[in-house]
Amino acid sequence: FRIRSTYSTASSTSDGTNTTQAFFDQTFID
């Protein structure tokens, strides 16, 4: 996920501000 807002509006592919990742339960993906 990348959230573009007043905190970060950049679109550079190397600018990692205001980005995060979501995950899944280990048993579920196994």
mmCIF file of all heavy atoms, coordinates in Angstrom:
data_MODEL
# 
_entry.id   MODEL 
# 
loop_
_atom_site.group_PDB 
_atom_site.id 
_atom_site.type_symbol 
_atom_site.label_atom_id 
_atom_site.label_alt_id 
_atom_site.label_comp_id 
_atom_site.label_asym_id 
_atom_site.label_entity_id 
_atom_site.label_seq_id 
_atom_site.pdbx_PDB_ins_code 
_atom_site.Cartn_x 
_atom_site.Cartn_y 
_atom_site.Cartn_z 
_atom_site.occupancy 
_atom_site.B_iso_or_equiv 
_atom_site.pdbx_formal_charge 
_atom_site.auth_seq_id 
_atom_site.auth_comp_id 
_atom_site.auth_asym_id 
_atom_site.auth_atom_id 
_atom_site.pdbx_PDB_model_num 
ATOM 1   N N   . PHE A 1 1  ? 0.845  -1.190  0.000  1.00 0.00 ? 1  PHE A N   1 
ATOM 2   C CA  . PHE A 1 1  ? 0.000  0.000   0.000  1.00 0.00 ? 1  PHE A CA  1 
ATOM 3   C C   . PHE A 1 1  ? 0.885  1.246   0.000  1.00 0.00 ? 1  PHE A C   1 
ATOM 4   O O   . PHE A 1 1  ? 1.940  1.274   0.643  1.00 0.00 ? 1  PHE A O   1 
ATOM 5   C CB  . PHE A 1 1  ? -0.898 0.060   1.243  1.00 0.00 ? 1  PHE A CB  1 
ATOM 6   C CG  . PHE A 1 1  ? -1.829 -1.102  1.378  1.00 0.00 ? 1  PHE A CG  1 
ATOM 7   C CD1 . PHE A 1 1  ? -1.612 -2.064  2.348  1.00 0.00 ? 1  PHE A CD1 1 
ATOM 8   C CD2 . PHE A 1 1  ? -2.925 -1.242  0.537  1.00 0.00 ? 1  PHE A CD2 1 
ATOM 9   C CE1 . PHE A 1 1  ? -2.460 -3.147  2.494  1.00 0.00 ? 1  PHE A CE1 1 
ATOM 10  C CE2 . PHE A 1 1  ? -3.781 -2.320  0.669  1.00 0.00 ? 1  PHE A CE2 1 
ATOM 11  C CZ  . PHE A 1 1  ? -3.556 -3.279  1.652  1.00 0.00 ? 1  PHE A CZ  1 
ATOM 12  N N   . ARG A 1 2  ? 0.427  2.259   -0.713 1.00 0.00 ? 2  ARG A N   1 
ATOM 13  C CA  . ARG A 1 2  ? 1.067  3.566   -0.651 1.00 0.00 ? 2  ARG A CA  1 
ATOM 14  C C   . ARG A 1 2  ? -0.034 4.604   -0.471 1.00 0.00 ? 2  ARG A C   1 
ATOM 15  O O   . ARG A 1 2  ? -1.010 4.619   -1.218 1.00 0.00 ? 2  ARG A O   1 
ATOM 16  C CB  . ARG A 1 2  ? 1.844  3.864   -1.920 1.00 0.00 ? 2  ARG A CB  1 
ATOM 17  C CG  . ARG A 1 2  ? 2.540  5.210   -1.865 1.00 0.00 ? 2  ARG A CG  1 
ATOM 18  C CD  . ARG A 1 2  ? 3.501  5.385   -3.017 1.00 0.00 ? 2  ARG A CD  1 
ATOM 19  N NE  . ARG A 1 2  ? 4.445  6.457   -2.723 1.00 0.00 ? 2  ARG A NE  1 
ATOM 20  C CZ  . ARG A 1 2  ? 5.538  6.679   -3.410 1.00 0.00 ? 2  ARG A CZ  1 
ATOM 21  N NH1 . ARG A 1 2  ? 5.851  5.898   -4.422 1.00 0.00 ? 2  ARG A NH1 1 
ATOM 22  N NH2 . ARG A 1 2  ? 6.340  7.671   -3.089 1.00 0.00 ? 2  ARG A NH2 1 
ATOM 23  N N   . ILE A 1 3  ? 0.127  5.457   0.526  1.00 0.00 ? 3  ILE A N   1 
ATOM 24  C CA  . ILE A 1 3  ? -0.900 6.458   0.823  1.00 0.00 ? 3  ILE A CA  1 
ATOM 25  C C   . ILE A 1 3  ? -0.353 7.836   0.450  1.00 0.00 ? 3  ILE A C   1 
ATOM 26  O O   . ILE A 1 3  ? 0.573  8.347   1.073  1.00 0.00 ? 3  ILE A O   1 
ATOM 27  C CB  . ILE A 1 3  ? -1.289 6.456   2.316  1.00 0.00 ? 3  ILE A CB  1 
ATOM 28  C CG1 . ILE A 1 3  ? -1.453 5.018   2.832  1.00 0.00 ? 3  ILE A CG1 1 
ATOM 29  C CG2 . ILE A 1 3  ? -2.559 7.276   2.515  1.00 0.00 ? 3  ILE A CG2 1 
ATOM 30  C CD1 . ILE A 1 3  ? -2.494 4.205   2.129  1.00 0.00 ? 3  ILE A CD1 1 
ATOM 31  N N   . ARG A 1 4  ? -0.940 8.448   -0.564 1.00 0.00 ? 4  ARG A N   1 
ATOM 32  C CA  . ARG A 1 4  ? -0.502 9.777   -1.002 1.00 0.00 ? 4  ARG A CA  1 
ATOM 33  C C   . ARG A 1 4  ? -1.439 10.819  -0.385 1.00 0.00 ? 4  ARG A C   1 
ATOM 34  O O   . ARG A 1 4  ? -2.650 10.778  -0.588 1.00 0.00 ? 4  ARG A O   1 
ATOM 35  C CB  . ARG A 1 4  ? -0.511 9.873   -2.518 1.00 0.00 ? 4  ARG A CB  1 
ATOM 36  C CG  . ARG A 1 4  ? 0.319  8.768   -3.174 1.00 0.00 ? 4  ARG A CG  1 
ATOM 37  C CD  . ARG A 1 4  ? 0.619  9.084   -4.603 1.00 0.00 ? 4  ARG A CD  1 
ATOM 38  N NE  . ARG A 1 4  ? 0.783  7.866   -5.386 1.00 0.00 ? 4  ARG A NE  1 
ATOM 39  C CZ  . ARG A 1 4  ? 1.204  7.838   -6.628 1.00 0.00 ? 4  ARG A CZ  1 
ATOM 40  N NH1 . ARG A 1 4  ? 1.499  8.965   -7.247 1.00 0.00 ? 4  ARG A NH1 1 
ATOM 41  N NH2 . ARG A 1 4  ? 1.320  6.695   -7.277 1.00 0.00 ? 4  ARG A NH2 1 
ATOM 42  N N   . SER A 1 5  ? -0.842 11.710  0.364  1.00 0.00 ? 5  SER A N   1 
ATOM 43  C CA  . SER A 1 5  ? -1.596 12.707  1.113  1.00 0.00 ? 5  SER A CA  1 
ATOM 44  C C   . SER A 1 5  ? -0.702 13.917  1.316  1.00 0.00 ? 5  SER A C   1 
ATOM 45  O O   . SER A 1 5  ? 0.373  14.008  0.719  1.00 0.00 ? 5  SER A O   1 
ATOM 46  C CB  . SER A 1 5  ? -2.016 12.132  2.472  1.00 0.00 ? 5  SER A CB  1 
ATOM 47  O OG  . SER A 1 5  ? -0.865 11.929  3.285  1.00 0.00 ? 5  SER A OG  1 
ATOM 48  N N   . THR A 1 6  ? -1.102 14.834  2.166  1.00 0.00 ? 6  THR A N   1 
ATOM 49  C CA  . THR A 1 6  ? -0.236 15.976  2.462  1.00 0.00 ? 6  THR A CA  1 
ATOM 50  C C   . THR A 1 6  ? 1.046  15.532  3.162  1.00 0.00 ? 6  THR A C   1 
ATOM 51  O O   . THR A 1 6  ? 2.027  16.272  3.176  1.00 0.00 ? 6  THR A O   1 
ATOM 52  C CB  . THR A 1 6  ? -0.968 17.001  3.351  1.00 0.00 ? 6  THR A CB  1 
ATOM 53  O OG1 . THR A 1 6  ? -1.435 16.340  4.536  1.00 0.00 ? 6  THR A OG1 1 
ATOM 54  C CG2 . THR A 1 6  ? -2.130 17.621  2.604  1.00 0.00 ? 6  THR A CG2 1 
ATOM 55  N N   . TYR A 1 7  ? 1.044  14.330  3.729  1.00 0.00 ? 7  TYR A N   1 
ATOM 56  C CA  . TYR A 1 7  ? 2.260  13.826  4.361  1.00 0.00 ? 7  TYR A CA  1 
ATOM 57  C C   . TYR A 1 7  ? 3.281  13.357  3.329  1.00 0.00 ? 7  TYR A C   1 
ATOM 58  O O   . TYR A 1 7  ? 4.473  13.314  3.610  1.00 0.00 ? 7  TYR A O   1 
ATOM 59  C CB  . TYR A 1 7  ? 1.931  12.677  5.307  1.00 0.00 ? 7  TYR A CB  1 
ATOM 60  C CG  . TYR A 1 7  ? 1.184  13.112  6.540  1.00 0.00 ? 7  TYR A CG  1 
ATOM 61  C CD1 . TYR A 1 7  ? -0.144 12.761  6.728  1.00 0.00 ? 7  TYR A CD1 1 
ATOM 62  C CD2 . TYR A 1 7  ? 1.804  13.885  7.513  1.00 0.00 ? 7  TYR A CD2 1 
ATOM 63  C CE1 . TYR A 1 7  ? -0.836 13.156  7.866  1.00 0.00 ? 7  TYR A CE1 1 
ATOM 64  C CE2 . TYR A 1 7  ? 1.130  14.288  8.650  1.00 0.00 ? 7  TYR A CE2 1 
ATOM 65  C CZ  . TYR A 1 7  ? -0.202 13.924  8.823  1.00 0.00 ? 7  TYR A CZ  1 
ATOM 66  O OH  . TYR A 1 7  ? -0.885 14.324  9.943  1.00 0.00 ? 7  TYR A OH  1 
ATOM 67  N N   . SER A 1 8  ? 2.820  12.943  2.163  1.00 0.00 ? 8  SER A N   1 
ATOM 68  C CA  . SER A 1 8  ? 3.718  12.502  1.101  1.00 0.00 ? 8  SER A CA  1 
ATOM 69  C C   . SER A 1 8  ? 2.930  12.423  -0.194 1.00 0.00 ? 8  SER A C   1 
ATOM 70  O O   . SER A 1 8  ? 1.971  11.666  -0.303 1.00 0.00 ? 8  SER A O   1 
ATOM 71  C CB  . SER A 1 8  ? 4.311  11.131  1.410  1.00 0.00 ? 8  SER A CB  1 
ATOM 72  O OG  . SER A 1 8  ? 5.087  10.673  0.332  1.00 0.00 ? 8  SER A OG  1 
ATOM 73  N N   . THR A 1 9  ? 3.360  13.216  -1.185 1.00 0.00 ? 9  THR A N   1 
ATOM 74  C CA  . THR A 1 9  ? 2.673  13.208  -2.478 1.00 0.00 ? 9  THR A CA  1 
ATOM 75  C C   . THR A 1 9  ? 3.568  12.686  -3.582 1.00 0.00 ? 9  THR A C   1 
ATOM 76  O O   . THR A 1 9  ? 3.158  12.624  -4.737 1.00 0.00 ? 9  THR A O   1 
ATOM 77  C CB  . THR A 1 9  ? 2.203  14.626  -2.855 1.00 0.00 ? 9  THR A CB  1 
ATOM 78  O OG1 . THR A 1 9  ? 3.352  15.489  -2.916 1.00 0.00 ? 9  THR A OG1 1 
ATOM 79  C CG2 . THR A 1 9  ? 1.215  15.156  -1.836 1.00 0.00 ? 9  THR A CG2 1 
ATOM 80  N N   . ALA A 1 10 ? 4.805  12.335  -3.283 1.00 0.00 ? 10 ALA A N   1 
ATOM 81  C CA  . ALA A 1 10 ? 5.769  11.939  -4.299 1.00 0.00 ? 10 ALA A CA  1 
ATOM 82  C C   . ALA A 1 10 ? 5.346  10.658  -4.998 1.00 0.00 ? 10 ALA A C   1 
ATOM 83  O O   . ALA A 1 10 ? 4.711  9.789   -4.420 1.00 0.00 ? 10 ALA A O   1 
ATOM 84  C CB  . ALA A 1 10 ? 7.149  11.759  -3.675 1.00 0.00 ? 10 ALA A CB  1 
ATOM 85  N N   . SER A 1 11 ? 5.724  10.541  -6.278 1.00 0.00 ? 11 SER A N   1 
ATOM 86  C CA  . SER A 1 11 ? 5.415  9.344   -7.045 1.00 0.00 ? 11 SER A CA  1 
ATOM 87  C C   . SER A 1 11 ? 6.678  8.609   -7.473 1.00 0.00 ? 11 SER A C   1 
ATOM 88  O O   . SER A 1 11 ? 6.616  7.677   -8.264 1.00 0.00 ? 11 SER A O   1 
ATOM 89  C CB  . SER A 1 11 ? 4.597  9.708   -8.290 1.00 0.00 ? 11 SER A CB  1 
ATOM 90  O OG  . SER A 1 11 ? 5.346  10.579  -9.133 1.00 0.00 ? 11 SER A OG  1 
ATOM 91  N N   . SER A 1 12 ? 7.827  9.030   -6.954 1.00 0.00 ? 12 SER A N   1 
ATOM 92  C CA  . SER A 1 12 ? 9.082  8.388   -7.315 1.00 0.00 ? 12 SER A CA  1 
ATOM 93  C C   . SER A 1 12 ? 9.052  6.911   -6.949 1.00 0.00 ? 12 SER A C   1 
ATOM 94  O O   . SER A 1 12 ? 8.539  6.528   -5.904 1.00 0.00 ? 12 SER A O   1 
ATOM 95  C CB  . SER A 1 12 ? 10.250 9.069   -6.599 1.00 0.00 ? 12 SER A CB  1 
ATOM 96  O OG  . SER A 1 12 ? 11.426 8.289   -6.706 1.00 0.00 ? 12 SER A OG  1 
ATOM 97  N N   . THR A 1 13 ? 9.634  6.083   -7.815 1.00 0.00 ? 13 THR A N   1 
ATOM 98  C CA  . THR A 1 13 ? 9.675  4.658   -7.522 1.00 0.00 ? 13 THR A CA  1 
ATOM 99  C C   . THR A 1 13 ? 10.694 4.317   -6.446 1.00 0.00 ? 13 THR A C   1 
ATOM 100 O O   . THR A 1 13 ? 10.766 3.175   -6.002 1.00 0.00 ? 13 THR A O   1 
ATOM 101 C CB  . THR A 1 13 ? 10.009 3.854   -8.789 1.00 0.00 ? 13 THR A CB  1 
ATOM 102 O OG1 . THR A 1 13 ? 11.262 4.314   -9.325 1.00 0.00 ? 13 THR A OG1 1 
ATOM 103 C CG2 . THR A 1 13 ? 8.930  4.020   -9.834 1.00 0.00 ? 13 THR A CG2 1 
ATOM 104 N N   . SER A 1 14 ? 11.500 5.274   -6.025 1.00 0.00 ? 14 SER A N   1 
ATOM 105 C CA  . SER A 1 14 ? 12.473 4.998   -4.966 1.00 0.00 ? 14 SER A CA  1 
ATOM 106 C C   . SER A 1 14 ? 12.138 5.708   -3.663 1.00 0.00 ? 14 SER A C   1 
ATOM 107 O O   . SER A 1 14 ? 12.847 5.563   -2.674 1.00 0.00 ? 14 SER A O   1 
ATOM 108 C CB  . SER A 1 14 ? 13.883 5.428   -5.413 1.00 0.00 ? 14 SER A CB  1 
ATOM 109 O OG  . SER A 1 14 ? 13.938 6.819   -5.645 1.00 0.00 ? 14 SER A OG  1 
ATOM 110 N N   . ASP A 1 15 ? 11.049 6.468   -3.651 1.00 0.00 ? 15 ASP A N   1 
ATOM 111 C CA  . ASP A 1 15 ? 10.639 7.177   -2.440 1.00 0.00 ? 15 ASP A CA  1 
ATOM 112 C C   . ASP A 1 15 ? 9.695  6.283   -1.651 1.00 0.00 ? 15 ASP A C   1 
ATOM 113 O O   . ASP A 1 15 ? 8.568  6.042   -2.055 1.00 0.00 ? 15 ASP A O   1 
ATOM 114 C CB  . ASP A 1 15 ? 9.948  8.497   -2.821 1.00 0.00 ? 15 ASP A CB  1 
ATOM 115 C CG  . ASP A 1 15 ? 9.302  9.169   -1.614 1.00 0.00 ? 15 ASP A CG  1 
ATOM 116 O OD1 . ASP A 1 15 ? 9.784  8.943   -0.485 1.00 0.00 ? 15 ASP A OD1 1 
ATOM 117 O OD2 . ASP A 1 15 ? 8.330  9.912   -1.815 1.00 0.00 ? 15 ASP A OD2 1 
ATOM 118 N N   . GLY A 1 16 ? 10.160 5.811   -0.503 1.00 0.00 ? 16 GLY A N   1 
ATOM 119 C CA  . GLY A 1 16 ? 9.365  4.852   0.252  1.00 0.00 ? 16 GLY A CA  1 
ATOM 120 C C   . GLY A 1 16 ? 8.519  5.448   1.346  1.00 0.00 ? 16 GLY A C   1 
ATOM 121 O O   . GLY A 1 16 ? 8.031  4.721   2.208  1.00 0.00 ? 16 GLY A O   1 
ATOM 122 N N   . THR A 1 17 ? 8.331  6.763   1.352  1.00 0.00 ? 17 THR A N   1 
ATOM 123 C CA  . THR A 1 17 ? 7.556  7.354   2.431  1.00 0.00 ? 17 THR A CA  1 
ATOM 124 C C   . THR A 1 17 ? 6.086  6.982   2.329  1.00 0.00 ? 17 THR A C   1 
ATOM 125 O O   . THR A 1 17 ? 5.517  6.858   1.246  1.00 0.00 ? 17 THR A O   1 
ATOM 126 C CB  . THR A 1 17 ? 7.681  8.887   2.428  1.00 0.00 ? 17 THR A CB  1 
ATOM 127 O OG1 . THR A 1 17 ? 7.209  9.402   1.174  1.00 0.00 ? 17 THR A OG1 1 
ATOM 128 C CG2 . THR A 1 17 ? 9.110  9.322   2.634  1.00 0.00 ? 17 THR A CG2 1 
ATOM 129 N N   . ASN A 1 18 ? 5.475  6.807   3.482  1.00 0.00 ? 18 ASN A N   1 
ATOM 130 C CA  . ASN A 1 18 ? 4.056  6.477   3.586  1.00 0.00 ? 18 ASN A CA  1 
ATOM 131 C C   . ASN A 1 18 ? 3.671  5.252   2.757  1.00 0.00 ? 18 ASN A C   1 
ATOM 132 O O   . ASN A 1 18 ? 2.653  5.212   2.084  1.00 0.00 ? 18 ASN A O   1 
ATOM 133 C CB  . ASN A 1 18 ? 3.184  7.689   3.268  1.00 0.00 ? 18 ASN A CB  1 
ATOM 134 C CG  . ASN A 1 18 ? 3.195  8.676   4.427  1.00 0.00 ? 18 ASN A CG  1 
ATOM 135 O OD1 . ASN A 1 18 ? 2.461  8.518   5.401  1.00 0.00 ? 18 ASN A OD1 1 
ATOM 136 N ND2 . ASN A 1 18 ? 4.062  9.668   4.346  1.00 0.00 ? 18 ASN A ND2 1 
ATOM 137 N N   . THR A 1 19 ? 4.541  4.255   2.813  1.00 0.00 ? 19 THR A N   1 
ATOM 138 C CA  . THR A 1 19 ? 4.232  2.950   2.230  1.00 0.00 ? 19 THR A CA  1 
ATOM 139 C C   . THR A 1 19 ? 4.263  1.909   3.336  1.00 0.00 ? 19 THR A C   1 
ATOM 140 O O   . THR A 1 19 ? 4.989  2.040   4.325  1.00 0.00 ? 19 THR A O   1 
ATOM 141 C CB  . THR A 1 19 ? 5.265  2.547   1.153  1.00 0.00 ? 19 THR A CB  1 
ATOM 142 O OG1 . THR A 1 19 ? 6.550  2.370   1.759  1.00 0.00 ? 19 THR A OG1 1 
ATOM 143 C CG2 . THR A 1 19 ? 5.350  3.589   0.064  1.00 0.00 ? 19 THR A CG2 1 
ATOM 144 N N   . THR A 1 20 ? 3.460  0.875   3.167  1.00 0.00 ? 20 THR A N   1 
ATOM 145 C CA  . THR A 1 20 ? 3.491  -0.233  4.123  1.00 0.00 ? 20 THR A CA  1 
ATOM 146 C C   . THR A 1 20 ? 3.043  -1.494  3.417  1.00 0.00 ? 20 THR A C   1 
ATOM 147 O O   . THR A 1 20 ? 2.692  -1.472  2.217  1.00 0.00 ? 20 THR A O   1 
ATOM 148 C CB  . THR A 1 20 ? 2.619  0.066   5.359  1.00 0.00 ? 20 THR A CB  1 
ATOM 149 O OG1 . THR A 1 20 ? 2.962  -0.853  6.400  1.00 0.00 ? 20 THR A OG1 1 
ATOM 150 C CG2 . THR A 1 20 ? 1.126  -0.016  5.045  1.00 0.00 ? 20 THR A CG2 1 
ATOM 151 N N   . GLN A 1 21 ? 3.053  -2.598  4.130  1.00 0.00 ? 21 GLN A N   1 
ATOM 152 C CA  . GLN A 1 21 ? 2.656  -3.878  3.572  1.00 0.00 ? 21 GLN A CA  1 
ATOM 153 C C   . GLN A 1 21 ? 1.751  -4.606  4.556  1.00 0.00 ? 21 GLN A C   1 
ATOM 154 O O   . GLN A 1 21 ? 1.910  -4.471  5.768  1.00 0.00 ? 21 GLN A O   1 
ATOM 155 C CB  . GLN A 1 21 ? 3.887  -4.736  3.248  1.00 0.00 ? 21 GLN A CB  1 
ATOM 156 C CG  . GLN A 1 21 ? 4.816  -4.097  2.238  1.00 0.00 ? 21 GLN A CG  1 
ATOM 157 C CD  . GLN A 1 21 ? 6.040  -4.929  1.926  1.00 0.00 ? 21 GLN A CD  1 
ATOM 158 O OE1 . GLN A 1 21 ? 6.053  -6.148  2.107  1.00 0.00 ? 21 GLN A OE1 1 
ATOM 159 N NE2 . GLN A 1 21 ? 7.082  -4.279  1.423  1.00 0.00 ? 21 GLN A NE2 1 
ATOM 160 N N   . ALA A 1 22 ? 0.796  -5.351  4.007  1.00 0.00 ? 22 ALA A N   1 
ATOM 161 C CA  . ALA A 1 22 ? -0.095 -6.173  4.825  1.00 0.00 ? 22 ALA A CA  1 
ATOM 162 C C   . ALA A 1 22 ? 0.274  -7.637  4.648  1.00 0.00 ? 22 ALA A C   1 
ATOM 163 O O   . ALA A 1 22 ? 0.790  -8.051  3.597  1.00 0.00 ? 22 ALA A O   1 
ATOM 164 C CB  . ALA A 1 22 ? -1.549 -5.942  4.429  1.00 0.00 ? 22 ALA A CB  1 
ATOM 165 N N   . PHE A 1 23 ? -0.025 -8.440  5.671  1.00 0.00 ? 23 PHE A N   1 
ATOM 166 C CA  . PHE A 1 23 ? 0.399  -9.835  5.697  1.00 0.00 ? 23 PHE A CA  1 
ATOM 167 C C   . PHE A 1 23 ? -0.770 -10.740 6.068  1.00 0.00 ? 23 PHE A C   1 
ATOM 168 O O   . PHE A 1 23 ? -1.870 -10.268 6.372  1.00 0.00 ? 23 PHE A O   1 
ATOM 169 C CB  . PHE A 1 23 ? 1.545  -10.002 6.702  1.00 0.00 ? 23 PHE A CB  1 
ATOM 170 C CG  . PHE A 1 23 ? 2.725  -9.126  6.407  1.00 0.00 ? 23 PHE A CG  1 
ATOM 171 C CD1 . PHE A 1 23 ? 2.838  -7.872  7.014  1.00 0.00 ? 23 PHE A CD1 1 
ATOM 172 C CD2 . PHE A 1 23 ? 3.699  -9.525  5.520  1.00 0.00 ? 23 PHE A CD2 1 
ATOM 173 C CE1 . PHE A 1 23 ? 3.916  -7.044  6.735  1.00 0.00 ? 23 PHE A CE1 1 
ATOM 174 C CE2 . PHE A 1 23 ? 4.778  -8.707  5.231  1.00 0.00 ? 23 PHE A CE2 1 
ATOM 175 C CZ  . PHE A 1 23 ? 4.893  -7.472  5.838  1.00 0.00 ? 23 PHE A CZ  1 
ATOM 176 N N   . PHE A 1 24 ? -0.506 -12.050 6.055  1.00 0.00 ? 24 PHE A N   1 
ATOM 177 C CA  . PHE A 1 24 ? -1.520 -13.049 6.337  1.00 0.00 ? 24 PHE A CA  1 
ATOM 178 C C   . PHE A 1 24 ? -1.014 -13.990 7.442  1.00 0.00 ? 24 PHE A C   1 
ATOM 179 O O   . PHE A 1 24 ? 0.186  -14.174 7.615  1.00 0.00 ? 24 PHE A O   1 
ATOM 180 C CB  . PHE A 1 24 ? -1.837 -13.864 5.082  1.00 0.00 ? 24 PHE A CB  1 
ATOM 181 C CG  . PHE A 1 24 ? -2.450 -13.064 3.976  1.00 0.00 ? 24 PHE A CG  1 
ATOM 182 C CD1 . PHE A 1 24 ? -1.657 -12.297 3.129  1.00 0.00 ? 24 PHE A CD1 1 
ATOM 183 C CD2 . PHE A 1 24 ? -3.825 -13.059 3.781  1.00 0.00 ? 24 PHE A CD2 1 
ATOM 184 C CE1 . PHE A 1 24 ? -2.216 -11.553 2.110  1.00 0.00 ? 24 PHE A CE1 1 
ATOM 185 C CE2 . PHE A 1 24 ? -4.391 -12.319 2.769  1.00 0.00 ? 24 PHE A CE2 1 
ATOM 186 C CZ  . PHE A 1 24 ? -3.582 -11.558 1.932  1.00 0.00 ? 24 PHE A CZ  1 
ATOM 187 N N   . ASP A 1 25 ? -1.949 -14.577 8.162  1.00 0.00 ? 25 ASP A N   1 
ATOM 188 C CA  . ASP A 1 25 ? -1.613 -15.531 9.196  1.00 0.00 ? 25 ASP A CA  1 
ATOM 189 C C   . ASP A 1 25 ? -0.770 -16.670 8.612  1.00 0.00 ? 25 ASP A C   1 
ATOM 190 O O   . ASP A 1 25 ? -1.071 -17.176 7.524  1.00 0.00 ? 25 ASP A O   1 
ATOM 191 C CB  . ASP A 1 25 ? -2.900 -16.082 9.805  1.00 0.00 ? 25 ASP A CB  1 
ATOM 192 C CG  . ASP A 1 25 ? -2.642 -17.172 10.816 1.00 0.00 ? 25 ASP A CG  1 
ATOM 193 O OD1 . ASP A 1 25 ? -2.354 -16.834 11.971 1.00 0.00 ? 25 ASP A OD1 1 
ATOM 194 O OD2 . ASP A 1 25 ? -2.722 -18.359 10.427 1.00 0.00 ? 25 ASP A OD2 1 
ATOM 195 N N   . GLN A 1 26 ? 0.254  -17.085 9.329  1.00 0.00 ? 26 GLN A N   1 
ATOM 196 C CA  . GLN A 1 26 ? 1.183  -18.093 8.815  1.00 0.00 ? 26 GLN A CA  1 
ATOM 197 C C   . GLN A 1 26 ? 0.497  -19.425 8.540  1.00 0.00 ? 26 GLN A C   1 
ATOM 198 O O   . GLN A 1 26 ? 0.745  -20.061 7.505  1.00 0.00 ? 26 GLN A O   1 
ATOM 199 C CB  . GLN A 1 26 ? 2.333  -18.296 9.799  1.00 0.00 ? 26 GLN A CB  1 
ATOM 200 C CG  . GLN A 1 26 ? 3.440  -19.197 9.268  1.00 0.00 ? 26 GLN A CG  1 
ATOM 201 C CD  . GLN A 1 26 ? 4.158  -18.594 8.080  1.00 0.00 ? 26 GLN A CD  1 
ATOM 202 O OE1 . GLN A 1 26 ? 4.675  -17.490 8.155  1.00 0.00 ? 26 GLN A OE1 1 
ATOM 203 N NE2 . GLN A 1 26 ? 4.192  -19.324 6.968  1.00 0.00 ? 26 GLN A NE2 1 
ATOM 204 N N   . THR A 1 27 ? -0.348 -19.865 9.433  1.00 0.00 ? 27 THR A N   1 
ATOM 205 C CA  . THR A 1 27 ? -1.045 -21.134 9.223  1.00 0.00 ? 27 THR A CA  1 
ATOM 206 C C   . THR A 1 27 ? -1.916 -21.083 7.975  1.00 0.00 ? 27 THR A C   1 
ATOM 207 O O   . THR A 1 27 ? -1.991 -22.046 7.206  1.00 0.00 ? 27 THR A O   1 
ATOM 208 C CB  . THR A 1 27 ? -1.904 -21.491 10.451 1.00 0.00 ? 27 THR A CB  1 
ATOM 209 O OG1 . THR A 1 27 ? -1.063 -21.595 11.604 1.00 0.00 ? 27 THR A OG1 1 
ATOM 210 C CG2 . THR A 1 27 ? -2.645 -22.804 10.244 1.00 0.00 ? 27 THR A CG2 1 
ATOM 211 N N   . PHE A 1 28 ? -2.554 -19.946 7.768  1.00 0.00 ? 28 PHE A N   1 
ATOM 212 C CA  . PHE A 1 28 ? -3.417 -19.769 6.604  1.00 0.00 ? 28 PHE A CA  1 
ATOM 213 C C   . PHE A 1 28 ? -2.624 -19.909 5.304  1.00 0.00 ? 28 PHE A C   1 
ATOM 214 O O   . PHE A 1 28 ? -3.001 -20.676 4.408  1.00 0.00 ? 28 PHE A O   1 
ATOM 215 C CB  . PHE A 1 28 ? -4.088 -18.392 6.677  1.00 0.00 ? 28 PHE A CB  1 
ATOM 216 C CG  . PHE A 1 28 ? -4.876 -18.016 5.453  1.00 0.00 ? 28 PHE A CG  1 
ATOM 217 C CD1 . PHE A 1 28 ? -6.070 -18.652 5.157  1.00 0.00 ? 28 PHE A CD1 1 
ATOM 218 C CD2 . PHE A 1 28 ? -4.427 -17.017 4.606  1.00 0.00 ? 28 PHE A CD2 1 
ATOM 219 C CE1 . PHE A 1 28 ? -6.809 -18.300 4.032  1.00 0.00 ? 28 PHE A CE1 1 
ATOM 220 C CE2 . PHE A 1 28 ? -5.161 -16.648 3.483  1.00 0.00 ? 28 PHE A CE2 1 
ATOM 221 C CZ  . PHE A 1 28 ? -6.345 -17.300 3.196  1.00 0.00 ? 28 PHE A CZ  1 
ATOM 222 N N   . ILE A 1 29 ? -1.525 -19.195 5.170  1.00 0.00 ? 29 ILE A N   1 
ATOM 223 C CA  . ILE A 1 29 ? -0.780 -19.254 3.909  1.00 0.00 ? 29 ILE A CA  1 
ATOM 224 C C   . ILE A 1 29 ? -0.074 -20.599 3.736  1.00 0.00 ? 29 ILE A C   1 
ATOM 225 O O   . ILE A 1 29 ? 0.080  -21.070 2.601  1.00 0.00 ? 29 ILE A O   1 
ATOM 226 C CB  . ILE A 1 29 ? 0.211  -18.073 3.776  1.00 0.00 ? 29 ILE A CB  1 
ATOM 227 C CG1 . ILE A 1 29 ? 1.163  -17.971 4.965  1.00 0.00 ? 29 ILE A CG1 1 
ATOM 228 C CG2 . ILE A 1 29 ? -0.552 -16.778 3.584  1.00 0.00 ? 29 ILE A CG2 1 
ATOM 229 C CD1 . ILE A 1 29 ? 2.159  -16.831 4.852  1.00 0.00 ? 29 ILE A CD1 1 
ATOM 230 N N   . ASP A 1 30 ? 0.311  -21.247 4.824  1.00 0.00 ? 30 ASP A N   1 
ATOM 231 C CA  . ASP A 1 30 ? 0.884  -22.589 4.711  1.00 0.00 ? 30 ASP A CA  1 
ATOM 232 C C   . ASP A 1 30 ? -0.149 -23.576 4.184  1.00 0.00 ? 30 ASP A C   1 
ATOM 233 O O   . ASP A 1 30 ? 0.169  -24.453 3.364  1.00 0.00 ? 30 ASP A O   1 
ATOM 234 C CB  . ASP A 1 30 ? 1.401  -23.067 6.069  1.00 0.00 ? 30 ASP A CB  1 
ATOM 235 C CG  . ASP A 1 30 ? 2.696  -22.392 6.481  1.00 0.00 ? 30 ASP A CG  1 
ATOM 236 O OD1 . ASP A 1 30 ? 3.339  -21.735 5.630  1.00 0.00 ? 30 ASP A OD1 1 
ATOM 237 O OD2 . ASP A 1 30 ? 3.064  -22.504 7.668  1.00 0.00 ? 30 ASP A OD2 1 
# 
